[in-house]
Amino acid sequence: MIQDRPDARWSPYHGRAMRARVAATWLRGACIWDGSAVLARPGSGRFVPRQHRETYLGEA
């Protein structure tokens, strides 16, 4: 079972065993991955790093 990282703070799925897979990925209304092939042009997205307590920019 995969455990949440301590710095993730909270997850409604913590401790639950689940069987799932990503079926598709969408970017701005366009399917960029259909579950088996990448459909996006190179450079059409950007990397968004994980936010930690020190880098969180949302509401307090």
N, C-alpha and C. Protein backbone atom coordinates (compact mmCIF):
# COMPACT_ATOMS: atom_id res chain seq x y z
N MET A 1 0.84 -1.18 0.00
CA MET A 1 0.00 0.00 0.00
C MET A 1 0.89 1.25 0.00
N ILE A 2 0.50 2.22 -0.78
CA ILE A 2 1.26 3.47 -0.86
C ILE A 2 0.78 4.40 0.25
N GLN A 3 1.71 4.98 0.96
CA GLN A 3 1.38 5.91 2.03
C GLN A 3 1.64 7.34 1.57
N ASP A 4 0.81 8.27 2.04
CA ASP A 4 1.03 9.68 1.75
C ASP A 4 2.29 10.16 2.45
N ARG A 5 2.96 11.10 1.84
CA ARG A 5 4.14 11.68 2.48
C ARG A 5 3.69 12.56 3.64
N PRO A 6 4.48 12.63 4.71
CA PRO A 6 4.08 13.43 5.88
C PRO A 6 3.85 14.90 5.55
N ASP A 7 4.61 15.45 4.59
CA ASP A 7 4.45 16.87 4.28
C ASP A 7 3.25 17.15 3.37
N ALA A 8 2.51 16.11 2.96
CA ALA A 8 1.30 16.31 2.16
C ALA A 8 0.17 16.84 3.03
N ARG A 9 0.30 16.72 4.33
CA ARG A 9 -0.61 17.22 5.35
C ARG A 9 -1.90 16.43 5.49
N TRP A 10 -2.63 16.16 4.38
CA TRP A 10 -3.93 15.52 4.54
C TRP A 10 -4.38 14.91 3.22
N SER A 11 -5.04 13.80 3.28
CA SER A 11 -5.63 13.18 2.10
C SER A 11 -6.85 12.40 2.52
N PRO A 12 -7.96 12.51 1.78
CA PRO A 12 -9.14 11.72 2.12
C PRO A 12 -8.93 10.23 1.84
N TYR A 13 -7.87 9.87 1.13
CA TYR A 13 -7.60 8.49 0.76
C TYR A 13 -6.53 7.83 1.62
N HIS A 14 -6.02 8.53 2.62
CA HIS A 14 -4.95 8.00 3.46
C HIS A 14 -5.39 6.69 4.11
N GLY A 15 -4.58 5.66 3.93
CA GLY A 15 -4.85 4.37 4.54
C GLY A 15 -5.81 3.48 3.77
N ARG A 16 -6.37 3.97 2.68
CA ARG A 16 -7.31 3.16 1.89
C ARG A 16 -6.57 2.42 0.78
N ALA A 17 -6.85 1.14 0.66
CA ALA A 17 -6.30 0.37 -0.45
C ALA A 17 -7.20 0.58 -1.66
N MET A 18 -6.61 0.91 -2.80
CA MET A 18 -7.40 1.18 -3.99
C MET A 18 -6.75 0.56 -5.21
N ARG A 19 -7.58 0.19 -6.15
CA ARG A 19 -7.09 -0.29 -7.44
C ARG A 19 -7.60 0.70 -8.48
N ALA A 20 -6.69 1.40 -9.12
CA ALA A 20 -7.10 2.41 -10.09
C ALA A 20 -5.97 2.66 -11.08
N ARG A 21 -6.31 3.31 -12.16
CA ARG A 21 -5.31 3.74 -13.12
C ARG A 21 -5.80 5.01 -13.77
N VAL A 22 -4.89 5.79 -14.30
CA VAL A 22 -5.24 7.00 -15.02
C VAL A 22 -5.71 6.60 -16.41
N ALA A 23 -6.90 7.02 -16.80
CA ALA A 23 -7.45 6.64 -18.10
C ALA A 23 -7.07 7.63 -19.20
N ALA A 24 -6.89 8.90 -18.85
CA ALA A 24 -6.52 9.92 -19.82
C ALA A 24 -6.06 11.16 -19.06
N THR A 25 -5.36 12.03 -19.76
CA THR A 25 -4.92 13.30 -19.19
C THR A 25 -5.34 14.41 -20.13
N TRP A 26 -5.94 15.45 -19.55
CA TRP A 26 -6.44 16.58 -20.34
C TRP A 26 -5.71 17.85 -19.94
N LEU A 27 -5.42 18.69 -20.91
CA LEU A 27 -4.74 19.97 -20.68
C LEU A 27 -5.50 21.04 -21.44
N ARG A 28 -6.11 21.96 -20.70
CA ARG A 28 -6.86 23.06 -21.29
C ARG A 28 -7.89 22.59 -22.31
N GLY A 29 -8.62 21.53 -21.98
CA GLY A 29 -9.68 21.03 -22.84
C GLY A 29 -9.25 20.09 -23.96
N ALA A 30 -7.96 19.80 -24.05
CA ALA A 30 -7.47 18.90 -25.10
C ALA A 30 -6.89 17.65 -24.47
N CYS A 31 -7.22 16.49 -25.02
CA CYS A 31 -6.67 15.23 -24.53
C CYS A 31 -5.21 15.15 -24.97
N ILE A 32 -4.30 15.06 -23.98
CA ILE A 32 -2.89 15.02 -24.32
C ILE A 32 -2.28 13.63 -24.11
N TRP A 33 -3.04 12.74 -23.46
CA TRP A 33 -2.63 11.35 -23.28
C TRP A 33 -3.90 10.53 -23.21
N ASP A 34 -4.05 9.54 -24.07
CA ASP A 34 -5.29 8.78 -24.14
C ASP A 34 -5.25 7.45 -23.38
N GLY A 35 -4.26 7.26 -22.56
CA GLY A 35 -4.14 6.03 -21.79
C GLY A 35 -3.09 5.10 -22.37
N SER A 36 -2.70 5.33 -23.61
CA SER A 36 -1.66 4.49 -24.21
C SER A 36 -0.65 5.28 -25.03
N ALA A 37 -1.03 6.46 -25.50
CA ALA A 37 -0.11 7.24 -26.34
C ALA A 37 -0.16 8.71 -25.96
N VAL A 38 0.99 9.37 -26.03
CA VAL A 38 1.08 10.81 -25.80
C VAL A 38 0.63 11.50 -27.09
N LEU A 39 -0.36 12.39 -26.97
CA LEU A 39 -0.92 13.08 -28.11
C LEU A 39 -0.47 14.54 -28.19
N ALA A 40 0.14 15.04 -27.14
CA ALA A 40 0.53 16.44 -27.08
C ALA A 40 1.81 16.69 -27.88
N ARG A 41 1.89 17.91 -28.39
CA ARG A 41 3.13 18.34 -29.04
C ARG A 41 4.16 18.63 -27.95
N PRO A 42 5.42 18.35 -28.20
CA PRO A 42 6.45 18.69 -27.21
C PRO A 42 6.43 20.19 -26.90
N GLY A 43 6.50 20.51 -25.62
CA GLY A 43 6.51 21.91 -25.19
C GLY A 43 5.13 22.51 -24.98
N SER A 44 4.06 21.73 -25.11
CA SER A 44 2.71 22.28 -24.97
C SER A 44 2.29 22.45 -23.51
N GLY A 45 3.03 21.88 -22.58
CA GLY A 45 2.71 22.03 -21.16
C GLY A 45 3.91 22.56 -20.42
N ARG A 46 3.81 22.59 -19.11
CA ARG A 46 4.95 23.00 -18.29
C ARG A 46 4.93 22.20 -17.00
N PHE A 47 6.10 21.99 -16.44
CA PHE A 47 6.25 21.25 -15.20
C PHE A 47 5.76 22.10 -14.04
N VAL A 48 4.93 21.53 -13.19
CA VAL A 48 4.46 22.21 -11.99
C VAL A 48 5.00 21.43 -10.81
N PRO A 49 5.98 21.98 -10.09
CA PRO A 49 6.57 21.23 -8.98
C PRO A 49 5.57 21.07 -7.83
N ARG A 50 5.77 20.03 -7.06
CA ARG A 50 4.93 19.79 -5.89
C ARG A 50 5.11 20.92 -4.89
N GLN A 51 4.03 21.36 -4.30
CA GLN A 51 4.12 22.42 -3.31
C GLN A 51 4.32 21.83 -1.93
N HIS A 52 5.22 22.41 -1.18
CA HIS A 52 5.49 22.03 0.21
C HIS A 52 5.10 23.20 1.11
N ARG A 53 5.17 22.99 2.37
CA ARG A 53 4.83 24.08 3.30
C ARG A 53 5.60 25.35 3.00
N GLU A 54 6.86 25.21 2.63
CA GLU A 54 7.71 26.37 2.39
C GLU A 54 7.39 27.06 1.07
N THR A 55 6.74 26.38 0.13
CA THR A 55 6.50 26.95 -1.20
C THR A 55 5.02 27.14 -1.50
N TYR A 56 4.13 26.79 -0.57
CA TYR A 56 2.69 26.86 -0.82
C TYR A 56 2.26 28.30 -1.01
N LEU A 57 1.53 28.58 -2.10
CA LEU A 57 1.12 29.93 -2.42
C LEU A 57 -0.39 30.15 -2.27
N GLY A 58 -1.13 29.12 -1.88
CA GLY A 58 -2.58 29.22 -1.77
C GLY A 58 -3.01 29.90 -0.49
N GLU A 59 -4.28 29.73 -0.17
CA GLU A 59 -4.84 30.34 1.04
C GLU A 59 -4.26 29.68 2.28
N ALA A 60 -4.14 30.44 3.33
CA ALA A 60 -3.58 29.94 4.59
C ALA A 60 -4.58 29.15 5.36
